[in-house]
Amino acid sequence: MASSQNDTYKANGTEGTTLTRTILIGYTILLCFQGSFPLKQVTTTPNVGEFKFDSTTGILTFGASLELNQIIQTIYK
């Protein structure tokens, strides 16, 4: 069984609500945190506190714009 992995990204404040992480292509996100807050994964347009993930492109879409120096952490497998 494959173990889970961790990816951390520090926002530069210009991303808006989308973030592309090519390292995540082909993987499943188990958990995603925006700062210290866990986000709920959805398959529709995300609201605040939610995110949507496209595993074919590595694009994460958030319900609120990323802020300068905000940490996005994903646990994926």
N, C-alpha and C. Protein backbone atom coordinates (compact mmCIF):
# COMPACT_ATOMS: atom_id res chain seq x y z
N MET A 1 0.84 -1.17 0.00
CA MET A 1 0.00 0.00 0.00
C MET A 1 0.89 1.24 0.00
N ALA A 2 0.59 2.19 -0.89
CA ALA A 2 1.37 3.42 -0.98
C ALA A 2 1.08 4.32 0.21
N SER A 3 2.13 4.96 0.70
CA SER A 3 1.94 5.87 1.84
C SER A 3 1.51 7.25 1.34
N SER A 4 0.93 8.03 2.22
CA SER A 4 0.52 9.37 1.84
C SER A 4 1.73 10.30 1.81
N GLN A 5 1.58 11.38 1.06
CA GLN A 5 2.64 12.36 0.91
C GLN A 5 2.10 13.74 1.25
N ASN A 6 3.01 14.68 1.47
CA ASN A 6 2.67 16.02 1.89
C ASN A 6 3.20 17.04 0.88
N ASP A 7 2.38 18.02 0.54
CA ASP A 7 2.82 19.13 -0.31
C ASP A 7 2.43 20.42 0.39
N THR A 8 3.37 21.35 0.49
CA THR A 8 3.11 22.65 1.12
C THR A 8 3.44 23.76 0.14
N TYR A 9 2.57 24.75 0.07
CA TYR A 9 2.74 25.88 -0.83
C TYR A 9 2.49 27.17 -0.06
N LYS A 10 3.35 28.16 -0.24
CA LYS A 10 3.18 29.48 0.39
C LYS A 10 2.69 30.46 -0.68
N ALA A 11 1.49 30.98 -0.51
CA ALA A 11 0.87 31.86 -1.50
C ALA A 11 1.61 33.18 -1.63
N ASN A 12 1.65 33.69 -2.87
CA ASN A 12 2.28 34.99 -3.10
C ASN A 12 1.25 36.11 -3.18
N GLY A 13 -0.03 35.77 -3.04
CA GLY A 13 -1.09 36.77 -3.01
C GLY A 13 -1.66 37.13 -4.36
N THR A 14 -1.14 36.54 -5.44
CA THR A 14 -1.65 36.86 -6.79
C THR A 14 -2.40 35.69 -7.41
N GLU A 15 -2.56 34.59 -6.68
CA GLU A 15 -3.19 33.39 -7.22
C GLU A 15 -4.70 33.51 -7.43
N GLY A 16 -5.34 34.36 -6.68
CA GLY A 16 -6.80 34.41 -6.72
C GLY A 16 -7.36 33.17 -6.04
N THR A 17 -8.33 32.52 -6.68
CA THR A 17 -8.95 31.34 -6.07
C THR A 17 -8.43 30.03 -6.65
N THR A 18 -7.48 30.09 -7.59
CA THR A 18 -6.97 28.86 -8.18
C THR A 18 -5.46 28.72 -7.98
N LEU A 19 -5.06 27.47 -7.84
CA LEU A 19 -3.65 27.15 -7.63
C LEU A 19 -3.35 25.88 -8.42
N THR A 20 -2.32 25.90 -9.25
CA THR A 20 -1.91 24.72 -10.00
C THR A 20 -0.70 24.10 -9.33
N ARG A 21 -0.83 22.82 -8.96
CA ARG A 21 0.27 22.06 -8.35
C ARG A 21 0.45 20.81 -9.18
N THR A 22 1.39 20.86 -10.13
CA THR A 22 1.60 19.71 -11.03
C THR A 22 2.04 18.46 -10.28
N ILE A 23 2.62 18.63 -9.11
CA ILE A 23 3.03 17.48 -8.30
C ILE A 23 1.84 16.61 -7.91
N LEU A 24 0.63 17.19 -7.93
CA LEU A 24 -0.58 16.47 -7.51
C LEU A 24 -1.30 15.75 -8.66
N ILE A 25 -0.82 15.94 -9.89
CA ILE A 25 -1.48 15.30 -11.03
C ILE A 25 -1.47 13.79 -10.87
N GLY A 26 -2.66 13.20 -11.03
CA GLY A 26 -2.82 11.75 -10.94
C GLY A 26 -3.01 11.21 -9.54
N TYR A 27 -3.02 12.10 -8.55
CA TYR A 27 -3.16 11.67 -7.16
C TYR A 27 -4.55 12.02 -6.62
N THR A 28 -4.85 11.50 -5.44
CA THR A 28 -6.08 11.81 -4.72
C THR A 28 -5.71 12.62 -3.49
N ILE A 29 -6.40 13.72 -3.26
CA ILE A 29 -6.15 14.53 -2.07
C ILE A 29 -6.95 13.94 -0.92
N LEU A 30 -6.24 13.65 0.16
CA LEU A 30 -6.88 13.11 1.37
C LEU A 30 -7.31 14.24 2.30
N LEU A 31 -6.48 15.26 2.43
CA LEU A 31 -6.77 16.43 3.27
C LEU A 31 -6.16 17.67 2.63
N CYS A 32 -6.82 18.80 2.82
CA CYS A 32 -6.27 20.08 2.36
C CYS A 32 -6.54 21.12 3.44
N PHE A 33 -5.49 21.88 3.78
CA PHE A 33 -5.60 22.93 4.79
C PHE A 33 -5.28 24.26 4.15
N GLN A 34 -6.05 25.27 4.50
CA GLN A 34 -5.78 26.65 4.10
C GLN A 34 -5.41 27.37 5.39
N GLY A 35 -4.11 27.61 5.57
CA GLY A 35 -3.63 28.05 6.87
C GLY A 35 -3.75 26.88 7.83
N SER A 36 -4.39 27.08 8.95
CA SER A 36 -4.59 25.99 9.92
C SER A 36 -5.99 25.39 9.84
N PHE A 37 -6.77 25.79 8.84
CA PHE A 37 -8.15 25.35 8.73
C PHE A 37 -8.31 24.24 7.69
N PRO A 38 -8.88 23.11 8.08
CA PRO A 38 -9.14 22.05 7.10
C PRO A 38 -10.28 22.47 6.17
N LEU A 39 -10.14 22.12 4.91
CA LEU A 39 -11.16 22.45 3.91
C LEU A 39 -11.93 21.20 3.52
N LYS A 40 -13.18 21.39 3.13
CA LYS A 40 -14.02 20.29 2.65
C LYS A 40 -13.90 20.21 1.13
N GLN A 41 -13.66 19.01 0.62
CA GLN A 41 -13.57 18.84 -0.83
C GLN A 41 -14.96 18.68 -1.42
N VAL A 42 -15.22 19.41 -2.51
CA VAL A 42 -16.50 19.36 -3.20
C VAL A 42 -16.27 19.11 -4.69
N THR A 43 -17.32 18.75 -5.39
CA THR A 43 -17.22 18.52 -6.84
C THR A 43 -17.87 19.63 -7.64
N THR A 44 -18.50 20.59 -6.95
CA THR A 44 -19.12 21.73 -7.59
C THR A 44 -18.29 22.98 -7.29
N THR A 45 -18.81 24.14 -7.61
CA THR A 45 -18.10 25.38 -7.31
C THR A 45 -17.96 25.53 -5.79
N PRO A 46 -16.73 25.67 -5.29
CA PRO A 46 -16.54 25.73 -3.84
C PRO A 46 -16.97 27.05 -3.23
N ASN A 47 -17.47 26.95 -2.01
CA ASN A 47 -17.77 28.12 -1.18
C ASN A 47 -16.61 28.30 -0.21
N VAL A 48 -16.67 29.33 0.62
CA VAL A 48 -15.65 29.56 1.64
C VAL A 48 -15.55 28.29 2.50
N GLY A 49 -14.32 27.85 2.77
CA GLY A 49 -14.10 26.65 3.57
C GLY A 49 -14.12 25.37 2.76
N GLU A 50 -14.16 25.50 1.43
CA GLU A 50 -14.21 24.33 0.54
C GLU A 50 -13.17 24.47 -0.57
N PHE A 51 -12.87 23.34 -1.22
CA PHE A 51 -12.01 23.35 -2.39
C PHE A 51 -12.46 22.28 -3.37
N LYS A 52 -12.10 22.48 -4.62
CA LYS A 52 -12.35 21.51 -5.68
C LYS A 52 -11.01 21.15 -6.28
N PHE A 53 -10.82 19.88 -6.65
CA PHE A 53 -9.53 19.45 -7.18
C PHE A 53 -9.73 18.68 -8.48
N ASP A 54 -8.93 19.03 -9.49
CA ASP A 54 -8.92 18.32 -10.77
C ASP A 54 -7.60 17.56 -10.86
N SER A 55 -7.66 16.24 -10.70
CA SER A 55 -6.44 15.43 -10.66
C SER A 55 -5.77 15.29 -12.03
N THR A 56 -6.46 15.66 -13.11
CA THR A 56 -5.84 15.57 -14.44
C THR A 56 -4.98 16.80 -14.74
N THR A 57 -5.27 17.93 -14.06
CA THR A 57 -4.52 19.16 -14.31
C THR A 57 -3.72 19.63 -13.10
N GLY A 58 -4.06 19.12 -11.90
CA GLY A 58 -3.41 19.58 -10.68
C GLY A 58 -3.94 20.90 -10.17
N ILE A 59 -5.10 21.33 -10.70
CA ILE A 59 -5.66 22.62 -10.30
C ILE A 59 -6.56 22.46 -9.07
N LEU A 60 -6.25 23.26 -8.06
CA LEU A 60 -7.10 23.38 -6.88
C LEU A 60 -7.86 24.69 -7.00
N THR A 61 -9.15 24.65 -6.77
CA THR A 61 -9.97 25.86 -6.78
C THR A 61 -10.56 26.03 -5.39
N PHE A 62 -10.39 27.21 -4.83
CA PHE A 62 -10.82 27.50 -3.47
C PHE A 62 -12.04 28.41 -3.47
N GLY A 63 -12.76 28.39 -2.37
CA GLY A 63 -13.95 29.23 -2.22
C GLY A 63 -13.62 30.67 -1.84
N ALA A 64 -12.37 30.96 -1.56
CA ALA A 64 -11.91 32.32 -1.24
C ALA A 64 -10.51 32.50 -1.79
N SER A 65 -10.19 33.71 -2.17
CA SER A 65 -8.86 34.01 -2.70
C SER A 65 -7.77 33.71 -1.68
N LEU A 66 -6.64 33.23 -2.18
CA LEU A 66 -5.49 32.99 -1.33
C LEU A 66 -4.86 34.33 -0.96
N GLU A 67 -4.43 34.44 0.27
CA GLU A 67 -3.83 35.67 0.76
C GLU A 67 -2.31 35.55 0.79
N LEU A 68 -1.63 36.68 0.76
CA LEU A 68 -0.17 36.72 0.80
C LEU A 68 0.35 35.92 1.99
N ASN A 69 1.30 35.03 1.72
CA ASN A 69 1.97 34.19 2.72
C ASN A 69 1.08 33.13 3.35
N GLN A 70 -0.13 32.94 2.83
CA GLN A 70 -1.01 31.90 3.35
C GLN A 70 -0.45 30.54 2.94
N ILE A 71 -0.46 29.59 3.84
CA ILE A 71 0.07 28.26 3.58
C ILE A 71 -1.07 27.33 3.16
N ILE A 72 -0.86 26.65 2.04
CA ILE A 72 -1.77 25.61 1.58
C ILE A 72 -1.02 24.28 1.75
N GLN A 73 -1.59 23.40 2.53
CA GLN A 73 -0.96 22.10 2.74
C GLN A 73 -1.93 21.01 2.29
N THR A 74 -1.41 20.10 1.47
CA THR A 74 -2.22 18.98 1.00
C THR A 74 -1.56 17.67 1.38
N ILE A 75 -2.37 16.75 1.83
CA ILE A 75 -1.94 15.39 2.08
C ILE A 75 -2.57 14.57 0.96
N TYR A 76 -1.74 13.87 0.20
CA TYR A 76 -2.26 13.18 -0.98
C TYR A 76 -1.69 11.78 -1.08
N LYS A 77 -2.36 10.99 -1.91
CA LYS A 77 -1.96 9.59 -2.10
C LYS A 77 -2.24 9.18 -3.53
